[in-house]
């Protein structure tokens, strides 16, 4: 199983951006997925997740209402649409597949390599 995250970049506060995560080696339709981020000097934190059954989504309070996680099972792709970006959203963003405990804990079986998002004020 491999994950490939992409779409990061350098943006200004208020901008929007969509991150993509390509899953290979297993079917997305039976895989729960999560997005996490890690800012310099901080621990990795949960951003958003989407359950394989029913597509239920879950968001960190800090991004609720601004970020949207979605998936395309036909393409085996997961997306994170980020609106109204803030400087505090600056981090390396990681996609992850198949949580071991629950969707919000950074204990997943598979991780992508990360993509950097930098938001300037």
C-alpha atoms as a PDB file:
ATOM      1  CA  UNK A   1       0.000   0.000   0.000  1.00  0.00           C
ATOM      2  CA  UNK A   2       1.307   3.441  -0.920  1.00  0.00           C
ATOM      3  CA  UNK A   3       0.050   6.970  -0.444  1.00  0.00           C
ATOM      4  CA  UNK A   4       1.144   9.951  -2.485  1.00  0.00           C
ATOM      5  CA  UNK A   5       0.167  13.388  -1.242  1.00  0.00           C
ATOM      6  CA  UNK A   6       0.445  16.423  -3.465  1.00  0.00           C
ATOM      7  CA  UNK A   7      -0.790  19.954  -3.940  1.00  0.00           C
ATOM      8  CA  UNK A   8       1.073  21.928  -1.311  1.00  0.00           C
ATOM      9  CA  UNK A   9       2.406  25.382  -1.955  1.00  0.00           C
ATOM     10  CA  UNK A  10       3.039  28.919  -0.804  1.00  0.00           C
ATOM     11  CA  UNK A  11      -0.098  30.974  -0.274  1.00  0.00           C
ATOM     12  CA  UNK A  12      -1.392  34.090   1.381  1.00  0.00           C
ATOM     13  CA  UNK A  13      -3.900  34.317   4.184  1.00  0.00           C
ATOM     14  CA  UNK A  14      -7.408  33.927   2.852  1.00  0.00           C
ATOM     15  CA  UNK A  15      -6.388  31.804  -0.102  1.00  0.00           C
ATOM     16  CA  UNK A  16      -7.747  28.361  -0.931  1.00  0.00           C
ATOM     17  CA  UNK A  17      -5.964  25.173  -1.841  1.00  0.00           C
ATOM     18  CA  UNK A  18      -6.825  21.555  -2.514  1.00  0.00           C
ATOM     19  CA  UNK A  19      -4.513  18.757  -1.473  1.00  0.00           C
ATOM     20  CA  UNK A  20      -4.719  15.370  -3.139  1.00  0.00           C
ATOM     21  CA  UNK A  21      -3.804  11.934  -1.912  1.00  0.00           C
ATOM     22  CA  UNK A  22      -3.517   8.959  -4.222  1.00  0.00           C
ATOM     23  CA  UNK A  23      -3.963   5.538  -2.648  1.00  0.00           C
ATOM     24  CA  UNK A  24      -2.519   2.488  -4.341  1.00  0.00           C
ATOM     25  CA  UNK A  25      -2.440  -1.138  -3.306  1.00  0.00           C
ATOM     26  CA  UNK A  26      -5.909  -1.309  -1.809  1.00  0.00           C
ATOM     27  CA  UNK A  27      -9.385  -0.095  -2.604  1.00  0.00           C
ATOM     28  CA  UNK A  28     -10.338   3.276  -1.219  1.00  0.00           C
ATOM     29  CA  UNK A  29     -13.968   2.211  -0.916  1.00  0.00           C
ATOM     30  CA  UNK A  30     -13.016  -0.024   2.028  1.00  0.00           C
ATOM     31  CA  UNK A  31     -10.383   2.259   3.557  1.00  0.00           C
ATOM     32  CA  UNK A  32     -10.811   4.927   6.190  1.00  0.00           C
ATOM     33  CA  UNK A  33      -8.578   7.899   5.446  1.00  0.00           C
ATOM     34  CA  UNK A  34      -7.211  10.800   7.417  1.00  0.00           C
ATOM     35  CA  UNK A  35      -5.328  14.037   6.906  1.00  0.00           C
ATOM     36  CA  UNK A  36      -2.858  15.179   9.514  1.00  0.00           C
ATOM     37  CA  UNK A  37      -0.436  18.048   9.726  1.00  0.00           C
ATOM     38  CA  UNK A  38       2.746  18.835  11.531  1.00  0.00           C
ATOM     39  CA  UNK A  39       4.047  22.336  12.048  1.00  0.00           C
ATOM     40  CA  UNK A  40       7.699  22.987  12.911  1.00  0.00           C
ATOM     41  CA  UNK A  41       8.384  22.117  16.519  1.00  0.00           C
ATOM     42  CA  UNK A  42       4.930  20.680  17.078  1.00  0.00           C
ATOM     43  CA  UNK A  43       3.419  17.248  17.213  1.00  0.00           C
ATOM     44  CA  UNK A  44       1.482  15.798  14.345  1.00  0.00           C
ATOM     45  CA  UNK A  45      -2.185  16.674  14.689  1.00  0.00           C
ATOM     46  CA  UNK A  46      -5.420  15.444  13.223  1.00  0.00           C
ATOM     47  CA  UNK A  47      -7.037  17.630  10.570  1.00  0.00           C
ATOM     48  CA  UNK A  48      -9.813  15.633   8.935  1.00  0.00           C
ATOM     49  CA  UNK A  49     -10.930  12.089   8.300  1.00  0.00           C
ATOM     50  CA  UNK A  50     -13.435  10.187   6.231  1.00  0.00           C
ATOM     51  CA  UNK A  51     -14.822   6.768   7.074  1.00  0.00           C
ATOM     52  CA  UNK A  52     -14.967   4.076   4.461  1.00  0.00           C
ATOM     53  CA  UNK A  53     -18.457   3.051   5.574  1.00  0.00           C
ATOM     54  CA  UNK A  54     -20.948   5.739   4.741  1.00  0.00           C
ATOM     55  CA  UNK A  55     -18.377   8.432   4.100  1.00  0.00           C
ATOM     56  CA  UNK A  56     -18.824  10.015   7.526  1.00  0.00           C
ATOM     57  CA  UNK A  57     -16.433  12.919   7.984  1.00  0.00           C
ATOM     58  CA  UNK A  58     -14.693  14.223  11.061  1.00  0.00           C
ATOM     59  CA  UNK A  59     -12.809  17.491  11.510  1.00  0.00           C
ATOM     60  CA  UNK A  60     -10.551  19.155  14.004  1.00  0.00           C
ATOM     61  CA  UNK A  61     -12.187  22.173  15.603  1.00  0.00           C
ATOM     62  CA  UNK A  62      -9.480  24.426  14.195  1.00  0.00           C
ATOM     63  CA  UNK A  63     -10.470  23.662  10.598  1.00  0.00           C
ATOM     64  CA  UNK A  64     -14.182  22.957  10.895  1.00  0.00           C
ATOM     65  CA  UNK A  65     -16.121  25.085   8.448  1.00  0.00           C
ATOM     66  CA  UNK A  66     -13.003  25.920   6.418  1.00  0.00           C
ATOM     67  CA  UNK A  67     -11.688  22.528   5.298  1.00  0.00           C
ATOM     68  CA  UNK A  68     -13.536  19.761   3.498  1.00  0.00           C
ATOM     69  CA  UNK A  69     -12.378  16.193   3.051  1.00  0.00           C
ATOM     70  CA  UNK A  70     -13.766  14.180   0.163  1.00  0.00           C
ATOM     71  CA  UNK A  71     -12.989  11.058  -1.770  1.00  0.00           C
ATOM     72  CA  UNK A  72     -13.385   9.622  -5.237  1.00  0.00           C
ATOM     73  CA  UNK A  73     -13.528   5.857  -4.970  1.00  0.00           C
ATOM     74  CA  UNK A  74     -13.346   5.451  -8.739  1.00  0.00           C
ATOM     75  CA  UNK A  75      -9.974   7.205  -8.813  1.00  0.00           C
ATOM     76  CA  UNK A  76      -8.751   5.996  -5.424  1.00  0.00           C
ATOM     77  CA  UNK A  77      -8.179   9.626  -4.482  1.00  0.00           C
ATOM     78  CA  UNK A  78      -8.827  11.614  -1.317  1.00  0.00           C
ATOM     79  CA  UNK A  79      -8.896  15.397  -1.276  1.00  0.00           C
ATOM     80  CA  UNK A  80      -8.625  18.120   1.315  1.00  0.00           C
ATOM     81  CA  UNK A  81     -10.130  21.396   0.227  1.00  0.00           C
ATOM     82  CA  UNK A  82      -8.800  24.210   2.373  1.00  0.00           C
ATOM     83  CA  UNK A  83     -10.502  27.588   2.336  1.00  0.00           C
ATOM     84  CA  UNK A  84      -9.791  30.799   4.221  1.00  0.00           C
ATOM     85  CA  UNK A  85      -6.270  29.694   4.976  1.00  0.00           C
ATOM     86  CA  UNK A  86      -4.509  31.200   7.953  1.00  0.00           C
ATOM     87  CA  UNK A  87      -0.816  31.466   8.808  1.00  0.00           C
ATOM     88  CA  UNK A  88      -1.412  28.932  11.590  1.00  0.00           C
ATOM     89  CA  UNK A  89      -2.363  26.390   8.924  1.00  0.00           C
ATOM     90  CA  UNK A  90       1.276  26.326   7.848  1.00  0.00           C
ATOM     91  CA  UNK A  91       2.517  22.758   8.178  1.00  0.00           C
ATOM     92  CA  UNK A  92       3.485  19.613   6.357  1.00  0.00           C
ATOM     93  CA  UNK A  93       0.258  17.821   5.540  1.00  0.00           C
ATOM     94  CA  UNK A  94       0.119  14.046   5.531  1.00  0.00           C
ATOM     95  CA  UNK A  95      -2.509  11.653   4.326  1.00  0.00           C
ATOM     96  CA  UNK A  96      -2.924   8.357   6.111  1.00  0.00           C
ATOM     97  CA  UNK A  97      -4.878   5.171   5.576  1.00  0.00           C
ATOM     98  CA  UNK A  98      -6.394   2.546   7.849  1.00  0.00           C
ATOM     99  CA  UNK A  99      -6.405   3.809  11.441  1.00  0.00           C
ATOM    100  CA  UNK A 100      -5.467   1.338  14.154  1.00  0.00           C
ATOM    101  CA  UNK A 101      -7.382   2.949  17.020  1.00  0.00           C
ATOM    102  CA  UNK A 102      -9.682   5.684  15.805  1.00  0.00           C
ATOM    103  CA  UNK A 103      -9.790   8.217  13.038  1.00  0.00           C
ATOM    104  CA  UNK A 104      -8.392  11.113  15.112  1.00  0.00           C
ATOM    105  CA  UNK A 105      -5.316   9.418  16.540  1.00  0.00           C
ATOM    106  CA  UNK A 106      -2.136   9.525  14.483  1.00  0.00           C
ATOM    107  CA  UNK A 107      -1.811   5.753  14.595  1.00  0.00           C
ATOM    108  CA  UNK A 108      -2.417   4.566  11.084  1.00  0.00           C
ATOM    109  CA  UNK A 109      -1.047   1.646   9.160  1.00  0.00           C
ATOM    110  CA  UNK A 110      -0.025   3.669   6.138  1.00  0.00           C
ATOM    111  CA  UNK A 111       1.313   7.187   5.664  1.00  0.00           C
ATOM    112  CA  UNK A 112       2.126   9.355   2.705  1.00  0.00           C
ATOM    113  CA  UNK A 113       5.279  11.423   2.448  1.00  0.00           C
ATOM    114  CA  UNK A 114       3.730  14.799   3.229  1.00  0.00           C
ATOM    115  CA  UNK A 115       3.260  17.996   1.291  1.00  0.00           C
ATOM    116  CA  UNK A 116       4.196  21.424   2.596  1.00  0.00           C
ATOM    117  CA  UNK A 117       1.649  24.195   2.892  1.00  0.00           C
ATOM    118  CA  UNK A 118       2.953  27.636   3.798  1.00  0.00           C
ATOM    119  CA  UNK A 119       0.549  30.471   4.473  1.00  0.00           C
ATOM    120  CA  UNK A 120       1.894  33.987   4.813  1.00  0.00           C
ATOM    121  CA  UNK A 121       0.061  36.836   6.491  1.00  0.00           C
END
